[in-house]
Amino acid sequence: MPVQKVADFLAAHRVPYRTQRHTPAFTAQEVAEQAHISGHRVAKTVVVKLDGKMALCVLPATERVNFSMLRHVAGSHTAELATEEEFASHFPTCEPGAMPPFGNLYGLPVYAMETLKSGRTLAFNSGDASELLVIDWEDFDELVHPVVLTDRQKAAIA
């Protein structure tokens, strides 16, 4: 079951979802393999710092954060990976590395890669390191209102 905060949020907004158990894995790509889901459809939540402030970057398990693009789109001077010690207190009920991408529940802005839209459904950590939560992209977009990072922006910066 997703962490209670997420389950309550989805129930309050009447958003249908399903969960999928998998054996524990260390990387998002390994999670995708364990769950037998394409790494393009499994979203990983990466905690970053933009000018020293925490934010979430949500991208396919197959991709890496493009810090140049993120910095540019966010209008930040710096963009870097946050350490677990820096962000753990923001996610007190989540297992380490299993943060769900609902930044609005944790007071954090969310940046999501446009490529996640193409799969229609989105699978991501539920707060439990052995479980994925699967919802429609449209529901995620409507609930979270992420800043969507496009491939065109990526090409313009590269």
Protein backbone atom coordinates (compact mmCIF):
# COMPACT_ATOMS: atom_id res chain seq x y z
CA MET A 1 0.00 0.00 0.00
CA PRO A 2 1.30 3.48 -0.79
CA VAL A 3 2.30 5.66 2.13
CA GLN A 4 -0.84 6.88 3.90
CA LYS A 5 -0.33 10.50 2.84
CA VAL A 6 -0.35 9.49 -0.83
CA ALA A 7 -3.24 7.02 -0.47
CA ASP A 8 -5.35 9.67 1.29
CA PHE A 9 -4.48 12.26 -1.36
CA LEU A 10 -5.48 9.96 -4.22
CA ALA A 11 -8.69 8.91 -2.45
CA ALA A 12 -9.64 12.54 -1.74
CA HIS A 13 -9.31 13.32 -5.43
CA ARG A 14 -10.98 10.05 -6.51
CA VAL A 15 -8.00 9.06 -8.62
CA PRO A 16 -7.94 5.39 -9.55
CA TYR A 17 -4.64 3.61 -9.13
CA ARG A 18 -3.20 0.18 -8.78
CA THR A 19 -0.16 -1.11 -7.01
CA GLN A 20 2.38 -3.64 -8.14
CA ARG A 21 4.71 -5.46 -5.77
CA HIS A 22 8.26 -6.32 -6.83
CA THR A 23 11.39 -7.63 -5.20
CA PRO A 24 13.59 -4.89 -3.75
CA ALA A 25 15.98 -3.23 -6.20
CA PHE A 26 18.53 -0.43 -5.96
CA THR A 27 17.99 1.50 -9.19
CA ALA A 28 14.87 2.55 -11.07
CA GLN A 29 15.93 0.48 -14.07
CA GLU A 30 16.25 -2.60 -11.81
CA VAL A 31 12.78 -1.84 -10.40
CA ALA A 32 11.42 -1.77 -13.96
CA GLU A 33 13.03 -5.13 -14.69
CA GLN A 34 11.72 -6.69 -11.45
CA ALA A 35 8.21 -5.36 -12.17
CA HIS A 36 8.37 -6.41 -15.85
CA ILE A 37 7.55 -2.88 -17.00
CA SER A 38 9.48 -0.92 -19.62
CA GLY A 39 12.02 1.47 -18.10
CA HIS A 40 10.44 4.15 -20.30
CA ARG A 41 7.18 3.79 -18.31
CA VAL A 42 8.71 3.59 -14.83
CA ALA A 43 9.33 7.06 -13.46
CA LYS A 44 12.05 7.74 -10.96
CA THR A 45 11.89 10.60 -8.50
CA VAL A 46 15.20 12.40 -8.10
CA VAL A 47 15.60 15.02 -5.38
CA VAL A 48 17.61 17.98 -6.62
CA LYS A 49 18.62 21.38 -5.30
CA LEU A 50 17.93 24.46 -7.40
CA ASP A 51 19.83 27.42 -5.97
CA GLY A 52 20.01 25.43 -2.74
CA LYS A 53 16.24 24.74 -2.53
CA MET A 54 14.85 21.21 -2.82
CA ALA A 55 12.78 20.16 -5.84
CA LEU A 56 11.76 16.89 -7.49
CA CYS A 57 12.74 15.82 -10.97
CA VAL A 58 10.61 13.01 -12.40
CA LEU A 59 11.96 11.16 -15.40
CA PRO A 60 11.93 7.72 -17.01
CA ALA A 61 14.11 5.10 -15.34
CA THR A 62 16.14 4.97 -18.56
CA GLU A 63 17.19 8.63 -18.40
CA ARG A 64 19.47 10.80 -16.29
CA VAL A 65 18.80 14.29 -14.98
CA ASN A 66 20.00 16.93 -17.42
CA PHE A 67 21.16 19.52 -14.88
CA SER A 68 21.92 22.15 -17.55
CA MET A 69 18.36 21.96 -18.88
CA LEU A 70 16.86 21.87 -15.40
CA ARG A 71 18.85 24.93 -14.32
CA HIS A 72 17.85 26.78 -17.50
CA VAL A 73 14.13 25.94 -17.28
CA ALA A 74 13.94 26.66 -13.54
CA GLY A 75 15.76 29.95 -13.98
CA SER A 76 18.31 28.85 -11.40
CA HIS A 77 22.00 29.61 -11.14
CA THR A 78 22.76 26.15 -9.76
CA ALA A 79 21.20 22.70 -10.09
CA GLU A 80 22.66 19.71 -8.29
CA LEU A 81 21.75 16.36 -6.82
CA ALA A 82 20.57 16.48 -3.20
CA THR A 83 22.01 13.99 -0.74
CA GLU A 84 19.81 11.62 1.21
CA GLU A 85 20.82 13.36 4.43
CA GLU A 86 19.56 16.66 2.97
CA PHE A 87 16.13 15.41 1.89
CA ALA A 88 15.24 12.49 4.19
CA SER A 89 13.33 14.74 6.61
CA HIS A 90 11.01 15.85 3.79
CA PHE A 91 9.83 12.23 3.35
CA PRO A 92 9.56 10.86 6.92
CA THR A 93 7.12 8.04 6.09
CA CYS A 94 8.91 6.88 2.93
CA GLU A 95 11.59 4.24 2.72
CA PRO A 96 14.96 5.62 1.53
CA GLY A 97 15.01 6.03 -2.24
CA ALA A 98 11.28 5.28 -2.62
CA MET A 99 9.86 8.81 -2.65
CA PRO A 100 6.70 9.25 -4.71
CA PRO A 101 6.69 12.18 -7.18
CA PHE A 102 3.93 14.15 -5.43
CA GLY A 103 6.04 17.18 -4.57
CA ASN A 104 2.92 19.18 -3.76
CA LEU A 105 2.35 16.89 -0.74
CA TYR A 106 5.84 17.64 0.52
CA GLY A 107 6.08 21.35 -0.31
CA LEU A 108 8.43 20.81 -3.26
CA PRO A 109 8.15 21.92 -6.90
CA VAL A 110 8.12 19.15 -9.50
CA TYR A 111 9.82 19.05 -12.90
CA ALA A 112 8.81 16.14 -15.16
CA MET A 113 10.17 14.98 -18.50
CA GLU A 114 7.71 15.22 -21.37
CA THR A 115 8.64 11.70 -22.50
CA LEU A 116 6.61 10.34 -19.55
CA LYS A 117 3.41 11.49 -21.25
CA SER A 118 3.81 9.08 -24.15
CA GLY A 119 3.09 5.94 -22.13
CA ARG A 120 -0.33 7.13 -20.93
CA THR A 121 0.18 5.40 -17.57
CA LEU A 122 2.94 6.13 -15.12
CA ALA A 123 4.49 3.72 -12.60
CA PHE A 124 6.57 5.07 -9.73
CA ASN A 125 7.61 4.35 -6.16
CA SER A 126 4.77 4.49 -3.67
CA GLY A 127 6.94 5.27 -0.66
CA ASP A 128 7.53 1.55 -0.16
CA ALA A 129 10.73 0.25 -1.78
CA SER A 130 8.97 -2.95 -2.91
CA GLU A 131 5.91 -1.42 -4.50
CA LEU A 132 5.04 0.64 -7.54
CA LEU A 133 1.99 2.83 -7.86
CA VAL A 134 0.44 3.04 -11.35
CA ILE A 135 -1.81 5.94 -12.41
CA ASP A 136 -2.74 7.70 -15.64
CA TRP A 137 -0.42 10.50 -16.73
CA GLU A 138 -3.41 12.87 -16.99
CA ASP A 139 -4.30 12.27 -13.33
CA PHE A 140 -0.69 12.84 -12.26
CA ASP A 141 -0.49 16.02 -14.34
CA GLU A 142 -3.78 17.34 -12.94
CA LEU A 143 -2.86 16.59 -9.31
CA VAL A 144 0.76 17.74 -9.34
CA HIS A 145 0.94 20.39 -12.10
CA PRO A 146 4.60 19.66 -12.82
CA VAL A 147 6.74 21.90 -14.97
CA VAL A 148 7.09 19.71 -18.06
CA LEU A 149 10.56 19.64 -19.59
CA THR A 150 10.49 19.08 -23.34
CA ASP A 151 12.92 17.46 -25.74
CA ARG A 152 12.98 20.75 -27.66
CA GLN A 153 14.32 22.50 -24.55
CA LYS A 154 16.89 19.75 -24.17
CA ALA A 155 18.06 20.20 -27.78
CA ALA A 156 18.22 24.00 -27.44
CA ILE A 157 20.56 23.72 -24.45
CA ALA A 158 22.80 20.89 -25.66
